[in-house]
Amino acid sequence: MNISNNTFTNLRTKYTPPVTDEGKQGEKANGVKEENPPPELAMDASFKKLPGGLMIYVEELGKGEKVETGSKLSVHYEGWLASDFTKFDSSIDKGRPFEYNHGEGMVIKGWEKAMEGMRVGTKLQLKIPAKLAYGPSGMSGAGIPPNADLIFKLEILAAEKPVEDSKKSPNSVDLYA
């Protein structure tokens, strides 16, 4: 499924959690409650579409340190499947932020593209097409099926600047110095 301008609106009005093996509407067999679209998610009209299909909505612009390649980031996030709004992961639910080194392939491409140049304190919502997420392989251990489009809410809590590489070639030139 590709994310379109009508996807979120249509699912918000049509989605009803399925009845499961246990007969309880809105619960999977493993006990994880499926949710209707979280009310705090923005509607498609609020999103900016970037090349490649990534859609970004900036809830709040941060004023802190700027994210750059090599920055060690600390973020809070929540992730949902775009197809039915099933929450598949949340650092908030785990009670601790997620940390990673930006630009080093530790997260999906959609996150990398969205975070570049943002500042600490920024709150974002992302709609990430499958090709910028887990693609045809999905991530079965996390409940993400193949070719799943994803929705994330992110907050950048901290960014430590990358340590300067003392082994740079003496011939390298910093065009932005």
N, C-alpha and C. Protein backbone atom coordinates (compact mmCIF):
# COMPACT_ATOMS: atom_id res chain seq x y z
N MET A 1 0.85 -1.18 0.00
CA MET A 1 0.00 0.00 0.00
C MET A 1 0.88 1.23 0.00
N ASN A 2 0.65 2.14 -0.89
CA ASN A 2 1.37 3.40 -0.89
C ASN A 2 0.58 4.41 -0.08
N ILE A 3 1.30 5.28 0.60
CA ILE A 3 0.63 6.31 1.38
C ILE A 3 0.17 7.40 0.42
N SER A 4 -1.09 7.71 0.44
CA SER A 4 -1.62 8.77 -0.41
C SER A 4 -2.25 9.82 0.49
N ASN A 5 -2.67 10.89 -0.13
CA ASN A 5 -3.27 11.97 0.65
C ASN A 5 -4.57 11.56 1.32
N ASN A 6 -5.22 10.50 0.84
CA ASN A 6 -6.49 10.09 1.42
C ASN A 6 -6.36 8.91 2.38
N THR A 7 -5.21 8.27 2.41
CA THR A 7 -5.05 7.06 3.21
C THR A 7 -5.42 7.28 4.66
N PHE A 8 -4.83 8.26 5.30
CA PHE A 8 -5.04 8.47 6.72
C PHE A 8 -6.50 8.83 7.00
N THR A 9 -7.04 9.75 6.19
CA THR A 9 -8.43 10.17 6.39
C THR A 9 -9.38 8.99 6.22
N ASN A 10 -9.19 8.19 5.17
CA ASN A 10 -10.08 7.05 4.93
C ASN A 10 -10.00 6.04 6.05
N LEU A 11 -8.80 5.70 6.49
CA LEU A 11 -8.66 4.72 7.55
C LEU A 11 -9.20 5.23 8.88
N ARG A 12 -9.05 6.52 9.13
CA ARG A 12 -9.55 7.09 10.38
C ARG A 12 -11.06 6.89 10.49
N THR A 13 -11.76 7.03 9.39
CA THR A 13 -13.21 6.92 9.45
C THR A 13 -13.72 5.50 9.27
N LYS A 14 -12.92 4.61 8.65
CA LYS A 14 -13.41 3.27 8.32
C LYS A 14 -12.87 2.16 9.22
N TYR A 15 -11.77 2.38 9.90
CA TYR A 15 -11.11 1.29 10.61
C TYR A 15 -11.88 0.84 11.85
N THR A 16 -12.09 -0.46 11.96
CA THR A 16 -12.64 -1.08 13.16
C THR A 16 -11.71 -2.22 13.53
N PRO A 17 -11.22 -2.27 14.77
CA PRO A 17 -10.31 -3.36 15.14
C PRO A 17 -10.96 -4.71 14.91
N PRO A 18 -10.18 -5.67 14.42
CA PRO A 18 -10.76 -6.98 14.11
C PRO A 18 -11.08 -7.78 15.36
N VAL A 19 -12.00 -8.73 15.20
CA VAL A 19 -12.29 -9.68 16.26
C VAL A 19 -11.27 -10.80 16.13
N THR A 20 -10.65 -11.20 17.22
CA THR A 20 -9.57 -12.18 17.19
C THR A 20 -10.03 -13.54 17.68
N ASP A 21 -9.06 -14.45 17.79
CA ASP A 21 -9.32 -15.81 18.26
C ASP A 21 -10.07 -15.81 19.59
N GLU A 22 -9.74 -14.85 20.44
CA GLU A 22 -10.35 -14.81 21.76
C GLU A 22 -11.72 -14.14 21.74
N GLY A 23 -12.10 -13.61 20.56
CA GLY A 23 -13.41 -13.00 20.43
C GLY A 23 -13.50 -11.58 20.96
N LYS A 24 -12.38 -11.00 21.35
CA LYS A 24 -12.40 -9.63 21.87
C LYS A 24 -12.02 -8.68 20.75
N GLN A 25 -12.88 -7.74 20.48
CA GLN A 25 -12.58 -6.78 19.43
C GLN A 25 -11.41 -5.91 19.86
N GLY A 26 -10.45 -5.74 18.92
CA GLY A 26 -9.34 -4.84 19.19
C GLY A 26 -8.17 -5.47 19.90
N GLU A 27 -8.16 -6.78 20.12
CA GLU A 27 -7.00 -7.40 20.75
C GLU A 27 -6.47 -8.51 19.88
N LYS A 28 -5.16 -8.57 19.78
CA LYS A 28 -4.52 -9.67 19.08
C LYS A 28 -4.42 -10.84 20.04
N ALA A 29 -4.12 -12.00 19.50
CA ALA A 29 -3.98 -13.19 20.34
C ALA A 29 -2.89 -13.01 21.39
N ASN A 30 -1.87 -12.19 21.10
CA ASN A 30 -0.78 -11.99 22.07
C ASN A 30 -1.13 -10.94 23.12
N GLY A 31 -2.34 -10.40 23.06
CA GLY A 31 -2.78 -9.46 24.09
C GLY A 31 -2.44 -8.00 23.82
N VAL A 32 -1.79 -7.70 22.68
CA VAL A 32 -1.46 -6.31 22.37
C VAL A 32 -2.69 -5.67 21.75
N LYS A 33 -3.19 -4.64 22.38
CA LYS A 33 -4.41 -3.98 21.91
C LYS A 33 -4.14 -3.21 20.63
N GLU A 34 -4.99 -3.44 19.63
CA GLU A 34 -4.92 -2.63 18.43
C GLU A 34 -5.72 -1.37 18.69
N GLU A 35 -5.23 -0.26 18.17
CA GLU A 35 -5.86 1.02 18.45
C GLU A 35 -6.50 1.61 17.21
N ASN A 36 -7.54 2.39 17.40
CA ASN A 36 -8.03 3.22 16.34
C ASN A 36 -6.95 4.26 16.10
N PRO A 37 -7.03 5.02 15.01
CA PRO A 37 -5.99 6.01 14.77
C PRO A 37 -5.80 6.90 16.00
N PRO A 38 -4.58 7.01 16.47
CA PRO A 38 -4.33 7.88 17.62
C PRO A 38 -4.77 9.30 17.30
N PRO A 39 -5.54 9.92 18.16
CA PRO A 39 -6.09 11.25 17.88
C PRO A 39 -5.03 12.32 17.70
N GLU A 40 -3.83 12.10 18.25
CA GLU A 40 -2.79 13.12 18.15
C GLU A 40 -2.07 13.12 16.81
N LEU A 41 -2.37 12.16 15.93
CA LEU A 41 -1.72 12.15 14.62
C LEU A 41 -2.37 13.17 13.71
N ALA A 42 -1.53 13.86 12.94
CA ALA A 42 -2.01 14.89 12.03
C ALA A 42 -2.67 14.27 10.81
N MET A 43 -3.48 15.04 10.14
CA MET A 43 -4.12 14.59 8.91
C MET A 43 -3.16 14.84 7.75
N ASP A 44 -3.37 14.14 6.63
CA ASP A 44 -2.47 14.21 5.49
C ASP A 44 -2.22 15.63 4.99
N ALA A 45 -3.21 16.49 5.02
CA ALA A 45 -3.05 17.84 4.49
C ALA A 45 -1.96 18.61 5.22
N SER A 46 -1.63 18.22 6.44
CA SER A 46 -0.61 18.91 7.23
C SER A 46 0.81 18.46 6.88
N PHE A 47 0.95 17.37 6.15
CA PHE A 47 2.25 16.79 5.86
C PHE A 47 2.88 17.40 4.61
N LYS A 48 4.21 17.47 4.62
CA LYS A 48 4.97 17.88 3.45
C LYS A 48 5.53 16.61 2.82
N LYS A 49 5.29 16.42 1.54
CA LYS A 49 5.77 15.22 0.84
C LYS A 49 7.12 15.52 0.21
N LEU A 50 8.10 14.67 0.52
CA LEU A 50 9.45 14.81 -0.02
C LEU A 50 9.66 13.81 -1.15
N PRO A 51 10.69 14.04 -1.98
CA PRO A 51 10.99 13.06 -3.03
C PRO A 51 11.19 11.68 -2.40
N GLY A 52 10.70 10.66 -3.07
CA GLY A 52 10.81 9.30 -2.55
C GLY A 52 9.59 8.87 -1.75
N GLY A 53 8.66 9.81 -1.51
CA GLY A 53 7.42 9.46 -0.83
C GLY A 53 7.37 9.69 0.66
N LEU A 54 8.49 10.05 1.28
CA LEU A 54 8.50 10.35 2.71
C LEU A 54 7.64 11.58 2.97
N MET A 55 6.78 11.49 3.99
CA MET A 55 5.94 12.63 4.35
C MET A 55 6.27 13.04 5.78
N ILE A 56 6.45 14.37 5.99
CA ILE A 56 6.87 14.90 7.29
C ILE A 56 5.90 15.99 7.73
N TYR A 57 5.54 15.93 9.00
CA TYR A 57 4.79 17.00 9.64
C TYR A 57 5.58 17.41 10.87
N VAL A 58 5.98 18.68 10.94
CA VAL A 58 6.73 19.18 12.08
C VAL A 58 5.73 19.78 13.06
N GLU A 59 5.57 19.11 14.21
CA GLU A 59 4.67 19.61 15.26
C GLU A 59 5.29 20.80 15.96
N GLU A 60 6.58 20.71 16.21
CA GLU A 60 7.28 21.75 16.96
C GLU A 60 8.74 21.76 16.52
N LEU A 61 9.24 22.94 16.16
CA LEU A 61 10.65 23.07 15.79
C LEU A 61 11.49 23.25 17.05
N GLY A 62 12.52 22.46 17.16
CA GLY A 62 13.43 22.58 18.29
C GLY A 62 14.43 23.70 18.07
N LYS A 63 15.07 24.10 19.14
CA LYS A 63 16.06 25.18 19.06
C LYS A 63 17.44 24.73 19.54
N GLY A 64 17.57 23.43 19.80
CA GLY A 64 18.82 22.91 20.33
C GLY A 64 19.84 22.57 19.26
N GLU A 65 20.76 21.71 19.64
CA GLU A 65 21.84 21.25 18.77
C GLU A 65 21.29 20.68 17.46
N LYS A 66 21.98 20.97 16.36
CA LYS A 66 21.56 20.50 15.04
C LYS A 66 22.04 19.06 14.81
N VAL A 67 21.17 18.24 14.24
CA VAL A 67 21.50 16.85 13.91
C VAL A 67 22.34 16.84 12.64
N GLU A 68 23.47 16.14 12.70
CA GLU A 68 24.31 15.97 11.52
C GLU A 68 24.84 14.55 11.49
N THR A 69 25.38 14.15 10.36
CA THR A 69 25.91 12.80 10.23
C THR A 69 26.93 12.54 11.33
N GLY A 70 26.76 11.42 12.03
CA GLY A 70 27.66 11.05 13.12
C GLY A 70 27.17 11.48 14.49
N SER A 71 26.14 12.34 14.55
CA SER A 71 25.60 12.76 15.84
C SER A 71 25.02 11.55 16.57
N LYS A 72 25.27 11.47 17.88
CA LYS A 72 24.62 10.45 18.70
C LYS A 72 23.30 11.05 19.16
N LEU A 73 22.20 10.43 18.72
CA LEU A 73 20.87 10.96 19.02
C LEU A 73 20.18 10.15 20.09
N SER A 74 19.39 10.85 20.88
CA SER A 74 18.49 10.24 21.85
C SER A 74 17.09 10.73 21.47
N VAL A 75 16.20 9.78 21.15
CA VAL A 75 14.85 10.13 20.69
C VAL A 75 13.80 9.29 21.39
N HIS A 76 12.63 9.89 21.54
CA HIS A 76 11.45 9.12 21.92
C HIS A 76 10.64 8.94 20.64
N TYR A 77 10.05 7.77 20.49
CA TYR A 77 9.26 7.49 19.29
C TYR A 77 8.11 6.55 19.61
N GLU A 78 7.11 6.60 18.73
CA GLU A 78 6.03 5.63 18.70
C GLU A 78 5.83 5.28 17.24
N GLY A 79 5.60 3.99 16.94
CA GLY A 79 5.43 3.56 15.56
C GLY A 79 4.17 2.76 15.36
N TRP A 80 3.47 3.03 14.25
CA TRP A 80 2.23 2.34 13.90
C TRP A 80 2.31 1.83 12.47
N LEU A 81 1.60 0.75 12.18
CA LEU A 81 1.41 0.33 10.80
C LEU A 81 0.41 1.29 10.18
N ALA A 82 0.69 1.78 8.99
CA ALA A 82 -0.22 2.72 8.33
C ALA A 82 -1.51 2.04 7.88
N SER A 83 -1.46 0.74 7.67
CA SER A 83 -2.63 0.02 7.16
C SER A 83 -3.78 -0.08 8.15
N ASP A 84 -3.47 -0.23 9.45
CA ASP A 84 -4.55 -0.40 10.43
C ASP A 84 -4.27 0.26 11.78
N PHE A 85 -3.20 1.05 11.84
CA PHE A 85 -2.84 1.80 13.04
C PHE A 85 -2.48 0.93 14.24
N THR A 86 -2.01 -0.29 13.97
CA THR A 86 -1.52 -1.13 15.05
C THR A 86 -0.18 -0.58 15.51
N LYS A 87 -0.08 -0.26 16.79
CA LYS A 87 1.20 0.21 17.33
C LYS A 87 2.13 -1.00 17.43
N PHE A 88 3.33 -0.88 16.84
CA PHE A 88 4.27 -2.00 16.88
C PHE A 88 5.45 -1.74 17.80
N ASP A 89 5.68 -0.50 18.19
CA ASP A 89 6.81 -0.22 19.09
C ASP A 89 6.69 1.18 19.65
N SER A 90 7.32 1.39 20.82
CA SER A 90 7.32 2.70 21.46
C SER A 90 8.41 2.77 22.51
N SER A 91 9.29 3.75 22.38
CA SER A 91 10.30 3.96 23.42
C SER A 91 9.64 4.49 24.68
N ILE A 92 8.54 5.20 24.53
CA ILE A 92 7.81 5.74 25.67
C ILE A 92 7.24 4.60 26.51
N ASP A 93 6.63 3.61 25.83
CA ASP A 93 6.09 2.45 26.54
C ASP A 93 7.19 1.66 27.23
N LYS A 94 8.40 1.67 26.65
CA LYS A 94 9.54 0.96 27.25
C LYS A 94 10.16 1.75 28.40
N GLY A 95 9.82 3.03 28.50
CA GLY A 95 10.32 3.85 29.60
C GLY A 95 11.73 4.37 29.43
N ARG A 96 12.25 4.32 28.19
CA ARG A 96 13.59 4.86 27.96
C ARG A 96 13.72 5.30 26.50
N PRO A 97 14.47 6.38 26.26
CA PRO A 97 14.66 6.83 24.88
C PRO A 97 15.52 5.84 24.09
N PHE A 98 15.40 5.93 22.79
CA PHE A 98 16.20 5.13 21.87
C PHE A 98 17.41 5.97 21.47
N GLU A 99 18.58 5.36 21.46
CA GLU A 99 19.81 6.07 21.07
C GLU A 99 20.44 5.39 19.87
N TYR A 100 20.94 6.22 18.97
CA TYR A 100 21.64 5.70 17.78
C TYR A 100 22.54 6.78 17.21
N ASN A 101 23.46 6.36 16.35
CA ASN A 101 24.35 7.29 15.66
C ASN A 101 23.75 7.61 14.30
N HIS A 102 23.42 8.87 14.09
CA HIS A 102 22.75 9.30 12.86
C HIS A 102 23.67 9.15 11.65
N GLY A 103 23.09 8.64 10.56
CA GLY A 103 23.81 8.54 9.30
C GLY A 103 24.70 7.33 9.18
N GLU A 104 24.58 6.39 10.11
CA GLU A 104 25.43 5.20 10.08
C GLU A 104 24.64 3.93 9.79
N GLY A 105 23.42 4.07 9.26
CA GLY A 105 22.63 2.91 8.85
C GLY A 105 22.02 2.12 10.00
N MET A 106 21.90 2.73 11.17
CA MET A 106 21.36 2.02 12.33
C MET A 106 19.84 2.04 12.38
N VAL A 107 19.21 2.90 11.59
CA VAL A 107 17.75 3.01 11.55
C VAL A 107 17.30 2.99 10.09
N ILE A 108 16.00 2.90 9.88
CA ILE A 108 15.47 2.86 8.52
C ILE A 108 15.76 4.17 7.78
N LYS A 109 15.79 4.09 6.46
CA LYS A 109 16.14 5.24 5.61
C LYS A 109 15.20 6.43 5.83
N GLY A 110 13.92 6.16 6.05
CA GLY A 110 12.97 7.25 6.27
C GLY A 110 13.32 8.09 7.49
N TRP A 111 13.76 7.43 8.57
CA TRP A 111 14.21 8.17 9.77
C TRP A 111 15.43 9.01 9.44
N GLU A 112 16.41 8.40 8.77
CA GLU A 112 17.65 9.11 8.45
C GLU A 112 17.36 10.37 7.65
N LYS A 113 16.53 10.25 6.62
CA LYS A 113 16.21 11.40 5.78
C LYS A 113 15.50 12.49 6.57
N ALA A 114 14.56 12.09 7.41
CA ALA A 114 13.76 13.06 8.15
C ALA A 114 14.56 13.80 9.22
N MET A 115 15.51 13.13 9.85
CA MET A 115 16.23 13.71 10.98
C MET A 115 17.35 14.66 10.56
N GLU A 116 17.88 14.49 9.37
CA GLU A 116 19.02 15.30 8.93
C GLU A 116 18.69 16.79 9.00
N GLY A 117 19.48 17.54 9.74
CA GLY A 117 19.31 18.98 9.84
C GLY A 117 18.30 19.44 10.88
N MET A 118 17.55 18.52 11.48
CA MET A 118 16.61 18.89 12.54
C MET A 118 17.38 19.28 13.80
N ARG A 119 16.69 19.86 14.76
CA ARG A 119 17.35 20.29 16.00
C ARG A 119 16.73 19.60 17.21
N VAL A 120 17.52 19.52 18.27
CA VAL A 120 17.03 18.96 19.53
C VAL A 120 15.79 19.74 19.96
N GLY A 121 14.79 19.02 20.40
CA GLY A 121 13.52 19.62 20.80
C GLY A 121 12.45 19.51 19.73
N THR A 122 12.85 19.16 18.51
CA THR A 122 11.90 19.03 17.41
C THR A 122 10.99 17.82 17.64
N LYS A 123 9.71 18.01 17.35
CA LYS A 123 8.73 16.92 17.40
C LYS A 123 8.18 16.76 15.99
N LEU A 124 8.25 15.52 15.48
CA LEU A 124 7.86 15.21 14.11
C LEU A 124 6.84 14.09 14.04
N GLN A 125 6.12 14.08 12.95
CA GLN A 125 5.35 12.90 12.57
C GLN A 125 5.81 12.53 11.17
N LEU A 126 6.02 11.25 10.96
CA LEU A 126 6.50 10.75 9.67
C LEU A 126 5.54 9.71 9.12
N LYS A 127 5.35 9.74 7.83
CA LYS A 127 4.67 8.67 7.10
C LYS A 127 5.72 8.15 6.14
N ILE A 128 6.16 6.92 6.40
CA ILE A 128 7.29 6.36 5.67
C ILE A 128 6.81 5.23 4.77
N PRO A 129 7.03 5.37 3.45
CA PRO A 129 6.65 4.28 2.56
C PRO A 129 7.55 3.07 2.79
N ALA A 130 7.05 1.90 2.46
CA ALA A 130 7.77 0.64 2.71
C ALA A 130 9.19 0.67 2.16
N LYS A 131 9.38 1.28 0.99
CA LYS A 131 10.72 1.28 0.38
C LYS A 131 11.74 2.06 1.21
N LEU A 132 11.28 2.95 2.10
CA LEU A 132 12.19 3.68 2.99
C LEU A 132 12.11 3.13 4.42
N ALA A 133 11.40 2.00 4.57
CA ALA A 133 11.27 1.36 5.89
C ALA A 133 11.93 -0.02 5.81
N TYR A 134 11.15 -1.08 5.96
CA TYR A 134 11.72 -2.44 5.96
C TYR A 134 11.50 -3.17 4.64
N GLY A 135 10.84 -2.53 3.67
CA GLY A 135 10.70 -3.08 2.34
C GLY A 135 10.02 -4.44 2.27
N PRO A 136 10.40 -5.24 1.26
CA PRO A 136 9.74 -6.53 1.04
C PRO A 136 10.02 -7.57 2.11
N SER A 137 11.05 -7.37 2.91
CA SER A 137 11.34 -8.36 3.96
C SER A 137 10.54 -8.11 5.23
N GLY A 138 10.09 -6.88 5.46
CA GLY A 138 9.39 -6.57 6.70
C GLY A 138 10.30 -6.80 7.90
N MET A 139 9.70 -6.93 9.07
CA MET A 139 10.44 -7.23 10.30
C MET A 139 9.49 -8.02 11.18
N SER A 140 9.41 -9.32 10.91
CA SER A 140 8.40 -10.16 11.55
C SER A 140 8.50 -10.15 13.07
N GLY A 141 9.68 -10.08 13.63
CA GLY A 141 9.84 -10.08 15.08
C GLY A 141 9.20 -8.87 15.75
N ALA A 142 9.05 -7.79 14.98
CA ALA A 142 8.43 -6.57 15.52
C ALA A 142 6.98 -6.42 15.05
N GLY A 143 6.47 -7.40 14.31
CA GLY A 143 5.10 -7.32 13.84
C GLY A 143 4.92 -6.44 12.63
N ILE A 144 5.99 -6.22 11.86
CA ILE A 144 5.91 -5.38 10.66
C ILE A 144 5.93 -6.30 9.44
N PRO A 145 4.81 -6.40 8.72
CA PRO A 145 4.75 -7.29 7.57
C PRO A 145 5.55 -6.74 6.38
N PRO A 146 5.80 -7.59 5.38
CA PRO A 146 6.48 -7.12 4.17
C PRO A 146 5.71 -5.97 3.53
N ASN A 147 6.47 -5.05 2.95
CA ASN A 147 5.92 -3.91 2.20
C ASN A 147 4.95 -3.05 3.01
N ALA A 148 5.22 -2.90 4.30
CA ALA A 148 4.35 -2.09 5.17
C ALA A 148 4.80 -0.64 5.21
N ASP A 149 3.85 0.26 4.97
CA ASP A 149 4.08 1.68 5.20
C ASP A 149 3.93 1.92 6.70
N LEU A 150 4.74 2.84 7.23
CA LEU A 150 4.76 3.07 8.68
C LEU A 150 4.49 4.52 9.01
N ILE A 151 3.99 4.75 10.22
CA ILE A 151 3.77 6.09 10.76
C ILE A 151 4.56 6.17 12.07
N PHE A 152 5.28 7.27 12.25
CA PHE A 152 6.04 7.49 13.49
C PHE A 152 5.76 8.87 14.05
N LYS A 153 5.77 8.95 15.37
CA LYS A 153 5.88 10.22 16.10
C LYS A 153 7.25 10.19 16.74
N LEU A 154 8.04 11.24 16.57
CA LEU A 154 9.39 11.31 17.09
C LEU A 154 9.61 12.62 17.84
N GLU A 155 10.42 12.56 18.88
CA GLU A 155 10.89 13.76 19.56
C GLU A 155 12.38 13.61 19.77
N ILE A 156 13.14 14.59 19.28
CA ILE A 156 14.60 14.57 19.44
C ILE A 156 14.93 15.14 20.81
N LEU A 157 15.44 14.30 21.69
CA LEU A 157 15.73 14.69 23.07
C LEU A 157 17.14 15.23 23.24
N ALA A 158 18.11 14.66 22.52
CA ALA A 158 19.51 15.09 22.66
C ALA A 158 20.28 14.71 21.41
N ALA A 159 21.32 15.49 21.12
CA ALA A 159 22.23 15.19 20.01
C ALA A 159 23.63 15.60 20.44
N GLU A 160 24.52 14.62 20.47
CA GLU A 160 25.92 14.90 20.75
C GLU A 160 26.64 15.00 19.42
N LYS A 161 27.37 16.11 19.23
CA LYS A 161 28.10 16.30 17.98
C LYS A 161 29.09 15.17 17.78
N PRO A 162 29.32 14.82 16.51
CA PRO A 162 30.32 13.78 16.26
C PRO A 162 31.71 14.25 16.65
N VAL A 163 32.53 13.31 17.08
CA VAL A 163 33.91 13.63 17.43
C VAL A 163 34.66 13.85 16.13
N GLU A 164 35.44 14.94 16.07
CA GLU A 164 36.22 15.22 14.87
C GLU A 164 37.18 14.08 14.59
N ASP A 165 37.29 13.71 13.35
CA ASP A 165 38.18 12.63 12.95
C ASP A 165 39.58 13.18 12.78
N SER A 166 40.48 12.82 13.69
CA SER A 166 41.85 13.32 13.65
C SER A 166 42.66 12.68 12.53
N LYS A 167 42.07 11.67 11.87
CA LYS A 167 42.80 10.98 10.81
C LYS A 167 42.39 11.47 9.43
N LYS A 168 41.78 12.66 9.34
CA LYS A 168 41.39 13.19 8.04
C LYS A 168 42.64 13.41 7.19
N SER A 169 42.47 13.22 5.92
CA SER A 169 43.57 13.46 5.00
C SER A 169 43.97 14.92 5.06
N PRO A 170 45.28 15.22 5.03
CA PRO A 170 45.70 16.62 5.03
C PRO A 170 45.25 17.35 3.78
N ASN A 171 44.85 16.61 2.75
CA ASN A 171 44.39 17.22 1.50
C ASN A 171 42.89 17.48 1.49
N SER A 172 42.16 17.03 2.54
CA SER A 172 40.72 17.23 2.54
C SER A 172 40.39 18.70 2.80
N VAL A 173 39.31 19.14 2.21
CA VAL A 173 38.91 20.54 2.32
C VAL A 173 37.50 20.59 2.87
N ASP A 174 37.28 21.42 3.87
CA ASP A 174 35.94 21.63 4.42
C ASP A 174 35.33 22.81 3.69
N LEU A 175 34.39 22.56 2.82
CA LEU A 175 33.78 23.62 2.02
C LEU A 175 32.92 24.57 2.83
N TYR A 176 32.56 24.18 4.06
CA TYR A 176 31.67 25.00 4.86
C TYR A 176 32.40 25.74 5.98
N ALA A 177 33.71 25.67 6.01
CA ALA A 177 34.48 26.32 7.08
C ALA A 177 34.56 27.80 6.85
